[in-house]
Structure formats: structure tokens, C-alpha cells
Amino acid sequence: MALKLIIVSDFVCPYCYWLETLLDRLGEQLEIIHVPYQLTEPPAPRIDVWNDPVRRVRYAETLGPVCQAQG
């Protein structure tokens, strides 16, 4: 019997996405229900999080090694 897990996460957060991909690897051991949630309102002026050099460096330093270790 699979364990039922409800994940409420920010749909633009790279850390949330990384955790969800790890949990998805457990496959049949978990029944995962994803519930999107907007954690923060968009800033004004809007920030392009994909092309922001400060965030790119931070994500590379924090998420890069962890993601590479996970494959």
C-alpha cells in the first residue's frame, strides 16, 4: 500500500521543484498529490528570475551540487 503524500509548494520555487523530483523517484512507494501555491506576490517591478544574475549564481551554488549528486 502506497503512502499518500500531499505536497503544497510554490510553483516557481526551484527548491520546491527539486524536492518534488526526488519524491517522484520513489514511484510506487508514494501516492503524491501536488498542490500548487503562490508563496509570494510578484514584485513590482517584476523580476525575471530565470535571467537574474544574482539568483542564477545563488541557485548554482546551492542547488547545483545537490542536483548533480542526485543525478
C-alpha atoms as a PDB file:
ATOM      1  CA  MET A   1       0.000   0.000   0.000  1.00  0.00           C
ATOM      2  CA  ALA A   2       1.394   3.377  -1.025  1.00  0.00           C
ATOM      3  CA  LEU A   3       1.792   6.200   1.454  1.00  0.00           C
ATOM      4  CA  LYS A   4      -0.372   9.181   0.462  1.00  0.00           C
ATOM      5  CA  LEU A   5       1.563  12.452   0.451  1.00  0.00           C
ATOM      6  CA  ILE A   6       0.048  15.852  -0.302  1.00  0.00           C
ATOM      7  CA  ILE A   7       2.681  18.410  -1.306  1.00  0.00           C
ATOM      8  CA  VAL A   8       1.736  22.082  -1.190  1.00  0.00           C
ATOM      9  CA  SER A   9       4.566  24.028  -2.787  1.00  0.00           C
ATOM     10  CA  ASP A  10       5.400  27.267  -4.527  1.00  0.00           C
ATOM     11  CA  PHE A  11       5.230  26.563  -8.244  1.00  0.00           C
ATOM     12  CA  VAL A  12       8.129  28.897  -9.110  1.00  0.00           C
ATOM     13  CA  CYS A  13      10.484  27.885  -6.289  1.00  0.00           C
ATOM     14  CA  PRO A  14      13.466  25.852  -7.561  1.00  0.00           C
ATOM     15  CA  TYR A  15      13.969  24.262  -4.141  1.00  0.00           C
ATOM     16  CA  CYS A  16      10.360  23.035  -4.093  1.00  0.00           C
ATOM     17  CA  TYR A  17      10.771  21.658  -7.617  1.00  0.00           C
ATOM     18  CA  TRP A  18      13.966  19.832  -6.654  1.00  0.00           C
ATOM     19  CA  LEU A  19      12.291  18.194  -3.653  1.00  0.00           C
ATOM     20  CA  GLU A  20       9.298  17.147  -5.760  1.00  0.00           C
ATOM     21  CA  THR A  21      11.577  15.459  -8.322  1.00  0.00           C
ATOM     22  CA  LEU A  22      13.260  13.492  -5.522  1.00  0.00           C
ATOM     23  CA  LEU A  23       9.906  12.366  -4.146  1.00  0.00           C
ATOM     24  CA  ASP A  24       8.678  11.425  -7.631  1.00  0.00           C
ATOM     25  CA  ARG A  25      11.591   8.972  -7.863  1.00  0.00           C
ATOM     26  CA  LEU A  26      10.066   6.915  -5.070  1.00  0.00           C
ATOM     27  CA  GLY A  27       7.422   5.902  -7.594  1.00  0.00           C
ATOM     28  CA  GLU A  28       5.000   3.296  -6.335  1.00  0.00           C
ATOM     29  CA  GLN A  29       6.018   3.723  -2.697  1.00  0.00           C
ATOM     30  CA  LEU A  30       4.201   7.078  -2.556  1.00  0.00           C
ATOM     31  CA  GLU A  31       0.919   8.385  -3.869  1.00  0.00           C
ATOM     32  CA  ILE A  32       1.830  12.031  -4.452  1.00  0.00           C
ATOM     33  CA  ILE A  33      -0.728  14.789  -4.863  1.00  0.00           C
ATOM     34  CA  HIS A  34       0.805  18.103  -5.977  1.00  0.00           C
ATOM     35  CA  VAL A  35      -0.998  21.264  -4.866  1.00  0.00           C
ATOM     36  CA  PRO A  36       0.465  24.464  -6.362  1.00  0.00           C
ATOM     37  CA  TYR A  37       0.669  27.526  -4.155  1.00  0.00           C
ATOM     38  CA  GLN A  38       1.915  31.035  -4.894  1.00  0.00           C
ATOM     39  CA  LEU A  39       4.091  31.797  -1.885  1.00  0.00           C
ATOM     40  CA  THR A  40       4.807  35.416  -2.706  1.00  0.00           C
ATOM     41  CA  GLU A  41       3.115  38.029  -4.813  1.00  0.00           C
ATOM     42  CA  PRO A  42       5.042  39.139  -7.905  1.00  0.00           C
ATOM     43  CA  PRO A  43       7.341  42.061  -7.043  1.00  0.00           C
ATOM     44  CA  ALA A  44       6.905  45.435  -8.676  1.00  0.00           C
ATOM     45  CA  PRO A  45       8.793  45.937 -10.868  1.00  0.00           C
ATOM     46  CA  ARG A  46       8.698  42.329 -11.912  1.00  0.00           C
ATOM     47  CA  ILE A  47      11.939  40.344 -11.633  1.00  0.00           C
ATOM     48  CA  ASP A  48      12.934  37.881 -14.331  1.00  0.00           C
ATOM     49  CA  VAL A  49      14.008  35.023 -12.040  1.00  0.00           C
ATOM     50  CA  TRP A  50      15.354  32.934 -14.922  1.00  0.00           C
ATOM     51  CA  ASN A  51      17.737  35.634 -16.145  1.00  0.00           C
ATOM     52  CA  ASP A  52      18.558  37.411 -12.877  1.00  0.00           C
ATOM     53  CA  PRO A  53      22.349  37.070 -12.432  1.00  0.00           C
ATOM     54  CA  VAL A  54      22.198  37.172  -8.616  1.00  0.00           C
ATOM     55  CA  ARG A  55      19.661  34.345  -8.439  1.00  0.00           C
ATOM     56  CA  ARG A  56      21.474  32.358 -11.119  1.00  0.00           C
ATOM     57  CA  VAL A  57      24.669  32.395  -9.019  1.00  0.00           C
ATOM     58  CA  ARG A  58      22.777  31.556  -5.807  1.00  0.00           C
ATOM     59  CA  TYR A  59      20.928  28.658  -7.422  1.00  0.00           C
ATOM     60  CA  ALA A  60      24.153  27.351  -8.979  1.00  0.00           C
ATOM     61  CA  GLU A  61      25.874  27.425  -5.586  1.00  0.00           C
ATOM     62  CA  THR A  62      23.043  25.921  -3.549  1.00  0.00           C
ATOM     63  CA  LEU A  63      21.109  23.677  -5.915  1.00  0.00           C
ATOM     64  CA  GLY A  64      23.815  22.766  -8.420  1.00  0.00           C
ATOM     65  CA  PRO A  65      25.854  20.398  -6.220  1.00  0.00           C
ATOM     66  CA  VAL A  66      22.757  18.784  -4.706  1.00  0.00           C
ATOM     67  CA  CYS A  67      21.139  18.154  -8.091  1.00  0.00           C
ATOM     68  CA  GLN A  68      24.367  16.769  -9.549  1.00  0.00           C
ATOM     69  CA  ALA A  69      24.708  14.405  -6.593  1.00  0.00           C
ATOM     70  CA  GLN A  70      21.145  13.164  -7.166  1.00  0.00           C
ATOM     71  CA  GLY A  71      21.808  12.566 -10.855  1.00  0.00           C
END
